[in-house]
Amino acid sequence: MARTRNPELEERRKQQVMLTVYRLLARDTFEAMTLAEVAREAGVSKGLVTYYFKNKDSLIVETIRRYHAEQERQLLAVAERDCPPRELLRELVALAFPSQAMVEIELRFQIEVWSFAKTRPEAWEAIAHSYRRFRRVCERLLQRGAAEGWLRAERIPWLYRFIQALADGLSFQVALEPELDVEALREELCGLIDALLAA
């Protein structure tokens, strides 16, 4: 008798495998990661991994896409709230810097993903697509701010880039300086963003 597919269970298993890939890439290189290691760490068979993903590259690319889709979901949950844009920008900063340990894990994963994507156009496009989506969310918030009169609309494209550059660069600082007070960093970053918006 043929087994009936359970889409919910299959989705949970795929998520479990991709979460394992996220953890492994934050810990080691993509070259060192094997499908057997992914299966072992995820607590599934290697056959199950290859059933869902044809090879290691497709598994990593799908993990990148899923990771960025989850980030976008979180960003949109903040951006769509009915609060003043300045308050929402503060919440986005808190999302970007939840804790020293999480920032370091995220950064290690991102570094490995960028390295992987250098020679893989599909992965590079997944990363670029994610940045474009983040920009759209940020621009929407800034446009709300322009509508409320606390910044000029023509500055929005540059403000987004400066905010993104600050967040990316500060992530490296957090990862390199474990003693850095992340809460204080969030406050300083919010102050800088406020100054950029007010200029």
N, C-alpha and C. Protein backbone atom coordinates (compact mmCIF):
# COMPACT_ATOMS: atom_id res chain seq x y z
N MET A 1 0.84 -1.18 0.00
CA MET A 1 0.00 0.00 0.00
C MET A 1 0.89 1.25 0.00
N ALA A 2 0.58 2.21 -0.85
CA ALA A 2 1.38 3.45 -0.96
C ALA A 2 1.10 4.34 0.25
N ARG A 3 2.18 4.99 0.72
CA ARG A 3 2.02 5.93 1.84
C ARG A 3 1.42 7.23 1.34
N THR A 4 0.55 7.81 2.16
CA THR A 4 -0.05 9.10 1.85
C THR A 4 0.93 10.19 2.26
N ARG A 5 1.13 11.15 1.37
CA ARG A 5 2.03 12.27 1.69
C ARG A 5 1.40 13.16 2.74
N ASN A 6 2.24 13.64 3.62
CA ASN A 6 1.80 14.57 4.65
C ASN A 6 2.58 15.87 4.43
N PRO A 7 2.01 16.83 3.70
CA PRO A 7 2.74 18.06 3.36
C PRO A 7 3.24 18.83 4.58
N GLU A 8 2.47 18.82 5.66
CA GLU A 8 2.88 19.52 6.88
C GLU A 8 4.15 18.90 7.47
N LEU A 9 4.16 17.57 7.55
CA LEU A 9 5.32 16.86 8.07
C LEU A 9 6.53 17.07 7.16
N GLU A 10 6.30 17.01 5.87
CA GLU A 10 7.41 17.22 4.92
C GLU A 10 7.99 18.62 5.07
N GLU A 11 7.13 19.61 5.24
CA GLU A 11 7.61 20.99 5.41
C GLU A 11 8.41 21.12 6.70
N ARG A 12 7.95 20.49 7.78
CA ARG A 12 8.69 20.53 9.05
C ARG A 12 10.05 19.88 8.91
N ARG A 13 10.12 18.77 8.20
CA ARG A 13 11.41 18.09 7.99
C ARG A 13 12.36 18.94 7.17
N LYS A 14 11.84 19.56 6.11
CA LYS A 14 12.69 20.44 5.29
C LYS A 14 13.21 21.60 6.13
N GLN A 15 12.32 22.19 6.94
CA GLN A 15 12.73 23.28 7.82
C GLN A 15 13.83 22.81 8.78
N GLN A 16 13.65 21.62 9.33
CA GLN A 16 14.63 21.06 10.27
C GLN A 16 15.99 20.90 9.58
N VAL A 17 15.98 20.42 8.36
CA VAL A 17 17.23 20.23 7.60
C VAL A 17 17.88 21.59 7.34
N MET A 18 17.08 22.58 6.91
CA MET A 18 17.65 23.90 6.59
C MET A 18 18.13 24.64 7.84
N LEU A 19 17.44 24.45 8.94
CA LEU A 19 17.92 25.04 10.20
C LEU A 19 19.26 24.44 10.59
N THR A 20 19.42 23.15 10.33
CA THR A 20 20.70 22.49 10.60
C THR A 20 21.79 23.07 9.72
N VAL A 21 21.48 23.30 8.45
CA VAL A 21 22.46 23.90 7.53
C VAL A 21 22.85 25.29 8.03
N TYR A 22 21.87 26.06 8.48
CA TYR A 22 22.16 27.39 9.03
C TYR A 22 23.16 27.28 10.17
N ARG A 23 22.90 26.37 11.11
CA ARG A 23 23.81 26.20 12.26
C ARG A 23 25.19 25.73 11.82
N LEU A 24 25.24 24.81 10.87
CA LEU A 24 26.53 24.29 10.41
C LEU A 24 27.34 25.37 9.69
N LEU A 25 26.67 26.18 8.86
CA LEU A 25 27.39 27.23 8.14
C LEU A 25 27.84 28.35 9.08
N ALA A 26 27.15 28.53 10.19
CA ALA A 26 27.58 29.51 11.18
C ALA A 26 28.77 28.99 11.98
N ARG A 27 29.01 27.70 11.90
CA ARG A 27 30.06 27.06 12.69
C ARG A 27 31.28 26.67 11.85
N ASP A 28 31.05 26.33 10.57
CA ASP A 28 32.11 25.77 9.74
C ASP A 28 31.95 26.30 8.31
N THR A 29 32.79 25.80 7.41
CA THR A 29 32.74 26.27 6.02
C THR A 29 31.76 25.43 5.21
N PHE A 30 31.28 26.02 4.11
CA PHE A 30 30.38 25.25 3.24
C PHE A 30 31.12 24.10 2.58
N GLU A 31 32.44 24.28 2.34
CA GLU A 31 33.22 23.19 1.74
C GLU A 31 33.28 21.98 2.67
N ALA A 32 33.41 22.23 3.96
CA ALA A 32 33.55 21.14 4.93
C ALA A 32 32.22 20.44 5.21
N MET A 33 31.12 21.15 5.02
CA MET A 33 29.81 20.57 5.32
C MET A 33 29.46 19.47 4.32
N THR A 34 28.99 18.34 4.82
CA THR A 34 28.57 17.24 3.95
C THR A 34 27.10 16.95 4.18
N LEU A 35 26.47 16.30 3.19
CA LEU A 35 25.07 15.92 3.34
C LEU A 35 24.90 14.91 4.47
N ALA A 36 25.89 14.04 4.63
CA ALA A 36 25.83 13.06 5.73
C ALA A 36 25.84 13.78 7.09
N GLU A 37 26.67 14.82 7.20
CA GLU A 37 26.72 15.59 8.45
C GLU A 37 25.40 16.31 8.68
N VAL A 38 24.84 16.89 7.63
CA VAL A 38 23.55 17.56 7.75
C VAL A 38 22.50 16.58 8.27
N ALA A 39 22.45 15.40 7.65
CA ALA A 39 21.46 14.39 8.05
C ALA A 39 21.66 13.99 9.51
N ARG A 40 22.90 13.72 9.88
CA ARG A 40 23.20 13.30 11.26
C ARG A 40 22.78 14.39 12.26
N GLU A 41 23.17 15.64 11.98
CA GLU A 41 22.86 16.74 12.90
C GLU A 41 21.36 17.04 12.95
N ALA A 42 20.67 16.81 11.82
CA ALA A 42 19.22 17.07 11.77
C ALA A 42 18.42 15.91 12.34
N GLY A 43 19.08 14.76 12.52
CA GLY A 43 18.38 13.59 13.04
C GLY A 43 17.48 12.92 12.02
N VAL A 44 17.91 13.01 10.73
CA VAL A 44 17.16 12.35 9.65
C VAL A 44 18.13 11.52 8.82
N SER A 45 17.60 10.75 7.88
CA SER A 45 18.48 9.95 7.03
C SER A 45 19.04 10.82 5.90
N LYS A 46 20.19 10.41 5.39
CA LYS A 46 20.77 11.12 4.25
C LYS A 46 19.83 11.02 3.05
N GLY A 47 19.15 9.87 2.93
CA GLY A 47 18.19 9.69 1.84
C GLY A 47 17.08 10.72 1.87
N LEU A 48 16.65 11.09 3.08
CA LEU A 48 15.60 12.10 3.21
C LEU A 48 16.13 13.46 2.74
N VAL A 49 17.38 13.77 3.10
CA VAL A 49 17.98 15.04 2.67
C VAL A 49 18.04 15.09 1.15
N THR A 50 18.51 14.01 0.51
CA THR A 50 18.63 14.02 -0.95
C THR A 50 17.26 13.89 -1.64
N TYR A 51 16.26 13.43 -0.92
CA TYR A 51 14.90 13.39 -1.46
C TYR A 51 14.38 14.82 -1.66
N TYR A 52 14.67 15.70 -0.70
CA TYR A 52 14.20 17.08 -0.77
C TYR A 52 15.13 18.00 -1.55
N PHE A 53 16.43 17.70 -1.53
CA PHE A 53 17.43 18.59 -2.15
C PHE A 53 18.35 17.75 -3.01
N LYS A 54 18.47 18.11 -4.30
CA LYS A 54 19.20 17.23 -5.22
C LYS A 54 20.70 17.15 -4.93
N ASN A 55 21.27 18.21 -4.30
CA ASN A 55 22.68 18.18 -3.95
C ASN A 55 22.96 19.24 -2.89
N LYS A 56 24.21 19.32 -2.48
CA LYS A 56 24.58 20.26 -1.41
C LYS A 56 24.35 21.70 -1.83
N ASP A 57 24.69 22.05 -3.07
CA ASP A 57 24.49 23.43 -3.52
C ASP A 57 23.03 23.83 -3.47
N SER A 58 22.15 22.96 -3.96
CA SER A 58 20.72 23.33 -3.96
C SER A 58 20.21 23.44 -2.53
N LEU A 59 20.73 22.64 -1.62
CA LEU A 59 20.35 22.72 -0.20
C LEU A 59 20.78 24.06 0.40
N ILE A 60 22.00 24.48 0.08
CA ILE A 60 22.49 25.75 0.62
C ILE A 60 21.70 26.92 0.03
N VAL A 61 21.46 26.89 -1.29
CA VAL A 61 20.70 27.98 -1.93
C VAL A 61 19.30 28.06 -1.33
N GLU A 62 18.65 26.93 -1.14
CA GLU A 62 17.30 26.94 -0.55
C GLU A 62 17.34 27.43 0.89
N THR A 63 18.39 27.09 1.62
CA THR A 63 18.55 27.58 2.99
C THR A 63 18.71 29.10 3.00
N ILE A 64 19.49 29.63 2.06
CA ILE A 64 19.66 31.08 1.94
C ILE A 64 18.30 31.73 1.68
N ARG A 65 17.55 31.19 0.74
CA ARG A 65 16.23 31.76 0.42
C ARG A 65 15.30 31.72 1.62
N ARG A 66 15.29 30.60 2.30
CA ARG A 66 14.39 30.44 3.45
C ARG A 66 14.81 31.38 4.58
N TYR A 67 16.10 31.49 4.80
CA TYR A 67 16.62 32.39 5.84
C TYR A 67 16.18 33.83 5.56
N HIS A 68 16.36 34.27 4.32
CA HIS A 68 16.00 35.64 3.97
C HIS A 68 14.49 35.84 3.98
N ALA A 69 13.72 34.84 3.60
CA ALA A 69 12.27 34.96 3.66
C ALA A 69 11.80 35.13 5.10
N GLU A 70 12.43 34.43 6.03
CA GLU A 70 12.09 34.58 7.45
C GLU A 70 12.46 35.97 7.95
N GLN A 71 13.63 36.46 7.52
CA GLN A 71 14.01 37.83 7.90
C GLN A 71 13.00 38.84 7.38
N GLU A 72 12.58 38.66 6.13
CA GLU A 72 11.60 39.57 5.55
C GLU A 72 10.28 39.50 6.32
N ARG A 73 9.86 38.30 6.70
CA ARG A 73 8.62 38.15 7.46
C ARG A 73 8.69 38.95 8.76
N GLN A 74 9.83 38.87 9.44
CA GLN A 74 10.00 39.61 10.70
C GLN A 74 9.99 41.12 10.45
N LEU A 75 10.67 41.55 9.39
CA LEU A 75 10.72 42.97 9.07
C LEU A 75 9.33 43.51 8.75
N LEU A 76 8.58 42.76 7.96
CA LEU A 76 7.24 43.20 7.58
C LEU A 76 6.32 43.24 8.80
N ALA A 77 6.49 42.30 9.71
CA ALA A 77 5.67 42.30 10.93
C ALA A 77 5.88 43.59 11.71
N VAL A 78 7.11 44.10 11.70
CA VAL A 78 7.39 45.38 12.37
C VAL A 78 6.87 46.54 11.51
N ALA A 79 7.21 46.54 10.24
CA ALA A 79 6.90 47.68 9.37
C ALA A 79 5.41 47.92 9.21
N GLU A 80 4.60 46.89 9.31
CA GLU A 80 3.17 47.04 9.08
C GLU A 80 2.41 47.46 10.34
N ARG A 81 3.10 47.57 11.44
CA ARG A 81 2.43 48.00 12.67
C ARG A 81 2.05 49.48 12.57
N ASP A 82 1.00 49.83 13.27
CA ASP A 82 0.52 51.21 13.25
C ASP A 82 1.17 52.00 14.38
N CYS A 83 2.44 52.34 14.16
CA CYS A 83 3.22 53.10 15.14
C CYS A 83 3.96 54.19 14.39
N PRO A 84 4.47 55.19 15.09
CA PRO A 84 5.30 56.20 14.42
C PRO A 84 6.53 55.53 13.77
N PRO A 85 6.89 55.96 12.56
CA PRO A 85 8.03 55.36 11.86
C PRO A 85 9.33 55.34 12.67
N ARG A 86 9.59 56.39 13.46
CA ARG A 86 10.82 56.42 14.27
C ARG A 86 10.83 55.25 15.25
N GLU A 87 9.69 54.96 15.85
CA GLU A 87 9.60 53.85 16.79
C GLU A 87 9.83 52.51 16.07
N LEU A 88 9.28 52.41 14.87
CA LEU A 88 9.46 51.17 14.09
C LEU A 88 10.92 50.99 13.68
N LEU A 89 11.60 52.08 13.34
CA LEU A 89 13.03 51.98 13.01
C LEU A 89 13.83 51.48 14.22
N ARG A 90 13.44 51.90 15.41
CA ARG A 90 14.10 51.42 16.63
C ARG A 90 13.88 49.91 16.79
N GLU A 91 12.68 49.46 16.45
CA GLU A 91 12.39 48.03 16.53
C GLU A 91 13.21 47.24 15.50
N LEU A 92 13.40 47.83 14.33
CA LEU A 92 14.23 47.17 13.31
C LEU A 92 15.68 47.07 13.79
N VAL A 93 16.15 48.10 14.46
CA VAL A 93 17.52 48.05 15.03
C VAL A 93 17.60 46.94 16.06
N ALA A 94 16.58 46.80 16.89
CA ALA A 94 16.57 45.73 17.90
C ALA A 94 16.56 44.36 17.22
N LEU A 95 15.85 44.23 16.11
CA LEU A 95 15.86 42.96 15.36
C LEU A 95 17.25 42.67 14.81
N ALA A 96 17.93 43.70 14.35
CA ALA A 96 19.27 43.51 13.76
C ALA A 96 20.32 43.17 14.81
N PHE A 97 20.10 43.62 16.05
CA PHE A 97 21.08 43.40 17.13
C PHE A 97 20.39 42.83 18.37
N PRO A 98 19.89 41.58 18.28
CA PRO A 98 19.16 41.01 19.42
C PRO A 98 20.06 40.72 20.62
N SER A 99 21.26 40.22 20.35
CA SER A 99 22.23 39.92 21.41
C SER A 99 23.59 39.73 20.76
N GLN A 100 24.64 39.79 21.58
CA GLN A 100 25.99 39.62 21.05
C GLN A 100 26.12 38.24 20.40
N ALA A 101 25.64 37.21 21.07
CA ALA A 101 25.78 35.84 20.55
C ALA A 101 25.03 35.67 19.23
N MET A 102 23.81 36.19 19.15
CA MET A 102 23.03 36.04 17.92
C MET A 102 23.64 36.83 16.76
N VAL A 103 24.16 38.01 17.05
CA VAL A 103 24.80 38.79 15.98
C VAL A 103 26.01 38.03 15.44
N GLU A 104 26.78 37.42 16.33
CA GLU A 104 27.96 36.67 15.88
C GLU A 104 27.55 35.46 15.03
N ILE A 105 26.54 34.73 15.45
CA ILE A 105 26.06 33.58 14.68
C ILE A 105 25.58 34.04 13.31
N GLU A 106 24.76 35.10 13.30
CA GLU A 106 24.24 35.63 12.03
C GLU A 106 25.37 36.05 11.09
N LEU A 107 26.35 36.75 11.65
CA LEU A 107 27.46 37.23 10.84
C LEU A 107 28.27 36.07 10.27
N ARG A 108 28.54 35.07 11.09
CA ARG A 108 29.29 33.90 10.60
C ARG A 108 28.53 33.21 9.46
N PHE A 109 27.23 33.07 9.63
CA PHE A 109 26.41 32.49 8.57
C PHE A 109 26.49 33.34 7.31
N GLN A 110 26.31 34.66 7.46
CA GLN A 110 26.33 35.55 6.30
C GLN A 110 27.68 35.53 5.57
N ILE A 111 28.76 35.51 6.32
CA ILE A 111 30.09 35.46 5.69
C ILE A 111 30.22 34.20 4.85
N GLU A 112 29.78 33.10 5.39
CA GLU A 112 29.88 31.83 4.66
C GLU A 112 28.98 31.85 3.42
N VAL A 113 27.81 32.43 3.55
CA VAL A 113 26.87 32.52 2.44
C VAL A 113 27.45 33.40 1.33
N TRP A 114 28.05 34.53 1.69
CA TRP A 114 28.65 35.40 0.68
C TRP A 114 29.81 34.68 -0.01
N SER A 115 30.59 33.95 0.74
CA SER A 115 31.70 33.20 0.15
C SER A 115 31.17 32.13 -0.83
N PHE A 116 30.15 31.44 -0.42
CA PHE A 116 29.52 30.41 -1.26
C PHE A 116 28.98 31.04 -2.54
N ALA A 117 28.37 32.22 -2.42
CA ALA A 117 27.68 32.85 -3.54
C ALA A 117 28.62 33.45 -4.59
N LYS A 118 29.90 33.63 -4.22
CA LYS A 118 30.84 34.27 -5.16
C LYS A 118 30.85 33.60 -6.52
N THR A 119 30.74 32.29 -6.54
CA THR A 119 30.85 31.56 -7.81
C THR A 119 29.53 30.86 -8.19
N ARG A 120 28.45 31.25 -7.52
CA ARG A 120 27.16 30.60 -7.78
C ARG A 120 26.09 31.68 -8.01
N PRO A 121 25.79 31.97 -9.27
CA PRO A 121 24.85 33.06 -9.59
C PRO A 121 23.49 32.91 -8.90
N GLU A 122 23.00 31.68 -8.75
CA GLU A 122 21.69 31.48 -8.12
C GLU A 122 21.72 31.94 -6.65
N ALA A 123 22.81 31.64 -5.95
CA ALA A 123 22.95 32.07 -4.56
C ALA A 123 23.15 33.58 -4.49
N TRP A 124 23.94 34.12 -5.41
CA TRP A 124 24.18 35.57 -5.43
C TRP A 124 22.86 36.31 -5.63
N GLU A 125 22.03 35.81 -6.55
CA GLU A 125 20.74 36.45 -6.80
C GLU A 125 19.82 36.35 -5.58
N ALA A 126 19.88 35.25 -4.86
CA ALA A 126 19.06 35.10 -3.64
C ALA A 126 19.45 36.17 -2.61
N ILE A 127 20.74 36.43 -2.48
CA ILE A 127 21.22 37.45 -1.54
C ILE A 127 20.79 38.84 -2.02
N ALA A 128 21.01 39.12 -3.30
CA ALA A 128 20.65 40.43 -3.86
C ALA A 128 19.14 40.67 -3.73
N HIS A 129 18.36 39.65 -3.97
CA HIS A 129 16.91 39.75 -3.85
C HIS A 129 16.52 40.12 -2.41
N SER A 130 17.20 39.51 -1.47
CA SER A 130 16.92 39.80 -0.06
C SER A 130 17.23 41.26 0.28
N TYR A 131 18.35 41.76 -0.21
CA TYR A 131 18.71 43.16 0.05
C TYR A 131 17.68 44.11 -0.57
N ARG A 132 17.21 43.74 -1.77
CA ARG A 132 16.19 44.58 -2.41
C ARG A 132 14.90 44.58 -1.59
N ARG A 133 14.52 43.43 -1.05
CA ARG A 133 13.30 43.36 -0.23
C ARG A 133 13.47 44.17 1.04
N PHE A 134 14.64 44.07 1.68
CA PHE A 134 14.88 44.85 2.89
C PHE A 134 14.80 46.34 2.57
N ARG A 135 15.37 46.72 1.43
CA ARG A 135 15.34 48.13 1.04
C ARG A 135 13.89 48.61 0.88
N ARG A 136 13.04 47.79 0.26
CA ARG A 136 11.64 48.19 0.07
C ARG A 136 10.94 48.39 1.41
N VAL A 137 11.19 47.50 2.37
CA VAL A 137 10.57 47.64 3.69
C VAL A 137 11.05 48.93 4.35
N CYS A 138 12.36 49.16 4.33
CA CYS A 138 12.95 50.35 4.94
C CYS A 138 12.44 51.61 4.25
N GLU A 139 12.38 51.58 2.93
CA GLU A 139 11.90 52.74 2.18
C GLU A 139 10.45 53.07 2.53
N ARG A 140 9.64 52.03 2.72
CA ARG A 140 8.24 52.27 3.11
C ARG A 140 8.16 53.02 4.43
N LEU A 141 8.99 52.59 5.38
CA LEU A 141 9.02 53.29 6.67
C LEU A 141 9.47 54.74 6.50
N LEU A 142 10.51 54.93 5.70
CA LEU A 142 11.03 56.28 5.50
C LEU A 142 10.01 57.14 4.75
N GLN A 143 9.27 56.55 3.82
CA GLN A 143 8.23 57.31 3.11
C GLN A 143 7.13 57.75 4.07
N ARG A 144 6.82 56.89 5.03
CA ARG A 144 5.85 57.30 6.06
C ARG A 144 6.40 58.49 6.85
N GLY A 145 7.70 58.43 7.14
CA GLY A 145 8.33 59.55 7.85
C GLY A 145 8.28 60.82 7.03
N ALA A 146 8.49 60.71 5.71
CA ALA A 146 8.42 61.89 4.84
C ALA A 146 7.00 62.44 4.81
N ALA A 147 6.02 61.55 4.78
CA ALA A 147 4.62 62.00 4.77
C ALA A 147 4.27 62.73 6.07
N GLU A 148 4.94 62.34 7.17
CA GLU A 148 4.70 63.00 8.45
C GLU A 148 5.55 64.25 8.63
N GLY A 149 6.45 64.50 7.67
CA GLY A 149 7.21 65.73 7.68
C GLY A 149 8.51 65.73 8.45
N TRP A 150 9.03 64.58 8.89
CA TRP A 150 10.28 64.62 9.64
C TRP A 150 11.50 64.21 8.82
N LEU A 151 11.32 64.05 7.50
CA LEU A 151 12.47 63.94 6.60
C LEU A 151 12.03 64.27 5.19
N ARG A 152 12.99 64.62 4.35
CA ARG A 152 12.68 64.98 2.96
C ARG A 152 12.68 63.72 2.09
N ALA A 153 11.67 63.59 1.27
CA ALA A 153 11.49 62.38 0.45
C ALA A 153 12.68 62.10 -0.46
N GLU A 154 13.33 63.16 -0.98
CA GLU A 154 14.44 62.93 -1.93
C GLU A 154 15.66 62.30 -1.25
N ARG A 155 15.70 62.32 0.07
CA ARG A 155 16.84 61.72 0.80
C ARG A 155 16.66 60.22 1.04
N ILE A 156 15.46 59.70 0.82
CA ILE A 156 15.16 58.30 1.19
C ILE A 156 16.13 57.29 0.59
N PRO A 157 16.45 57.32 -0.70
CA PRO A 157 17.37 56.30 -1.24
C PRO A 157 18.73 56.29 -0.55
N TRP A 158 19.24 57.47 -0.19
CA TRP A 158 20.54 57.51 0.49
C TRP A 158 20.42 57.10 1.95
N LEU A 159 19.35 57.52 2.59
CA LEU A 159 19.17 57.18 4.01
C LEU A 159 19.12 55.67 4.19
N TYR A 160 18.37 54.99 3.31
CA TYR A 160 18.32 53.53 3.42
C TYR A 160 19.74 52.94 3.34
N ARG A 161 20.50 53.39 2.37
CA ARG A 161 21.86 52.83 2.19
C ARG A 161 22.74 53.09 3.41
N PHE A 162 22.65 54.29 3.97
CA PHE A 162 23.45 54.61 5.16
C PHE A 162 23.03 53.75 6.35
N ILE A 163 21.73 53.58 6.53
CA ILE A 163 21.23 52.77 7.64
C ILE A 163 21.70 51.32 7.48
N GLN A 164 21.58 50.79 6.25
CA GLN A 164 22.02 49.41 5.99
C GLN A 164 23.52 49.27 6.22
N ALA A 165 24.31 50.25 5.75
CA ALA A 165 25.77 50.19 5.92
C ALA A 165 26.15 50.24 7.40
N LEU A 166 25.47 51.08 8.15
CA LEU A 166 25.74 51.15 9.59
C LEU A 166 25.46 49.80 10.26
N ALA A 167 24.31 49.21 9.94
CA ALA A 167 23.95 47.93 10.55
C ALA A 167 24.94 46.83 10.16
N ASP A 168 25.29 46.76 8.86
CA ASP A 168 26.24 45.73 8.41
C ASP A 168 27.60 45.90 9.07
N GLY A 169 28.12 47.13 9.06
CA GLY A 169 29.44 47.38 9.63
C GLY A 169 29.48 47.14 11.13
N LEU A 170 28.43 47.55 11.83
CA LEU A 170 28.41 47.35 13.28
C LEU A 170 28.29 45.88 13.66
N SER A 171 27.70 45.07 12.78
CA SER A 171 27.65 43.63 13.04
C SER A 171 29.06 43.06 13.17
N PHE A 172 29.97 43.51 12.32
CA PHE A 172 31.36 43.06 12.41
C PHE A 172 31.98 43.49 13.74
N GLN A 173 31.68 44.71 14.16
CA GLN A 173 32.22 45.19 15.42
C GLN A 173 31.74 44.34 16.60
N VAL A 174 30.48 43.98 16.58
CA VAL A 174 29.91 43.15 17.66
C VAL A 174 30.58 41.78 17.66
N ALA A 175 30.76 41.20 16.47
CA ALA A 175 31.37 39.87 16.39
C ALA A 175 32.84 39.89 16.82
N LEU A 176 33.53 40.99 16.52
CA LEU A 176 34.96 41.07 16.84
C LEU A 176 35.23 41.50 18.28
N GLU A 177 34.25 42.11 18.91
CA GLU A 177 34.42 42.59 20.28
C GLU A 177 33.34 41.98 21.18
N PRO A 178 33.58 40.77 21.69
CA PRO A 178 32.56 40.10 22.49
C PRO A 178 32.14 40.89 23.73
N GLU A 179 33.01 41.78 24.20
CA GLU A 179 32.69 42.55 25.40
C GLU A 179 31.81 43.77 25.09
N LEU A 180 31.53 44.02 23.82
CA LEU A 180 30.75 45.19 23.43
C LEU A 180 29.33 45.10 24.00
N ASP A 181 28.87 46.19 24.57
CA ASP A 181 27.52 46.27 25.14
C ASP A 181 26.52 46.48 24.00
N VAL A 182 25.79 45.42 23.63
CA VAL A 182 24.89 45.49 22.47
C VAL A 182 23.73 46.44 22.73
N GLU A 183 23.25 46.50 23.96
CA GLU A 183 22.16 47.42 24.27
C GLU A 183 22.60 48.87 24.07
N ALA A 184 23.82 49.19 24.52
CA ALA A 184 24.34 50.54 24.32
C ALA A 184 24.55 50.81 22.83
N LEU A 185 25.03 49.81 22.10
CA LEU A 185 25.22 49.96 20.65
C LEU A 185 23.89 50.28 19.97
N ARG A 186 22.83 49.56 20.36
CA ARG A 186 21.51 49.82 19.77
C ARG A 186 21.09 51.27 20.02
N GLU A 187 21.31 51.76 21.23
CA GLU A 187 20.93 53.14 21.55
C GLU A 187 21.73 54.13 20.71
N GLU A 188 23.04 53.89 20.60
CA GLU A 188 23.88 54.79 19.80
C GLU A 188 23.48 54.76 18.34
N LEU A 189 23.17 53.56 17.83
CA LEU A 189 22.77 53.44 16.43
C LEU A 189 21.45 54.18 16.20
N CYS A 190 20.51 54.03 17.10
CA CYS A 190 19.25 54.76 16.98
C CYS A 190 19.49 56.27 17.00
N GLY A 191 20.41 56.72 17.83
CA GLY A 191 20.76 58.14 17.87
C GLY A 191 21.34 58.61 16.54
N LEU A 192 22.23 57.78 15.96
CA LEU A 192 22.81 58.13 14.66
C LEU A 192 21.74 58.18 13.57
N ILE A 193 20.82 57.20 13.60
CA ILE A 193 19.74 57.18 12.61
C ILE A 193 18.87 58.42 12.77
N ASP A 194 18.55 58.76 14.01
CA ASP A 194 17.76 59.98 14.25
C ASP A 194 18.48 61.21 13.70
N ALA A 195 19.81 61.26 13.90
CA ALA A 195 20.59 62.41 13.40
C ALA A 195 20.58 62.43 11.87
N LEU A 196 20.70 61.26 11.24
CA LEU A 196 20.65 61.18 9.78
C LEU A 196 19.30 61.66 9.27
N LEU A 197 18.24 61.23 9.93
CA LEU A 197 16.89 61.59 9.49
C LEU A 197 16.62 63.08 9.67
N ALA A 198 17.20 63.64 10.73
CA ALA A 198 16.95 65.05 11.04
C ALA A 198 17.80 66.00 10.21
N ALA A 199 18.91 65.51 9.66
CA ALA A 199 19.87 66.38 8.95
C ALA A 199 19.22 67.01 7.72
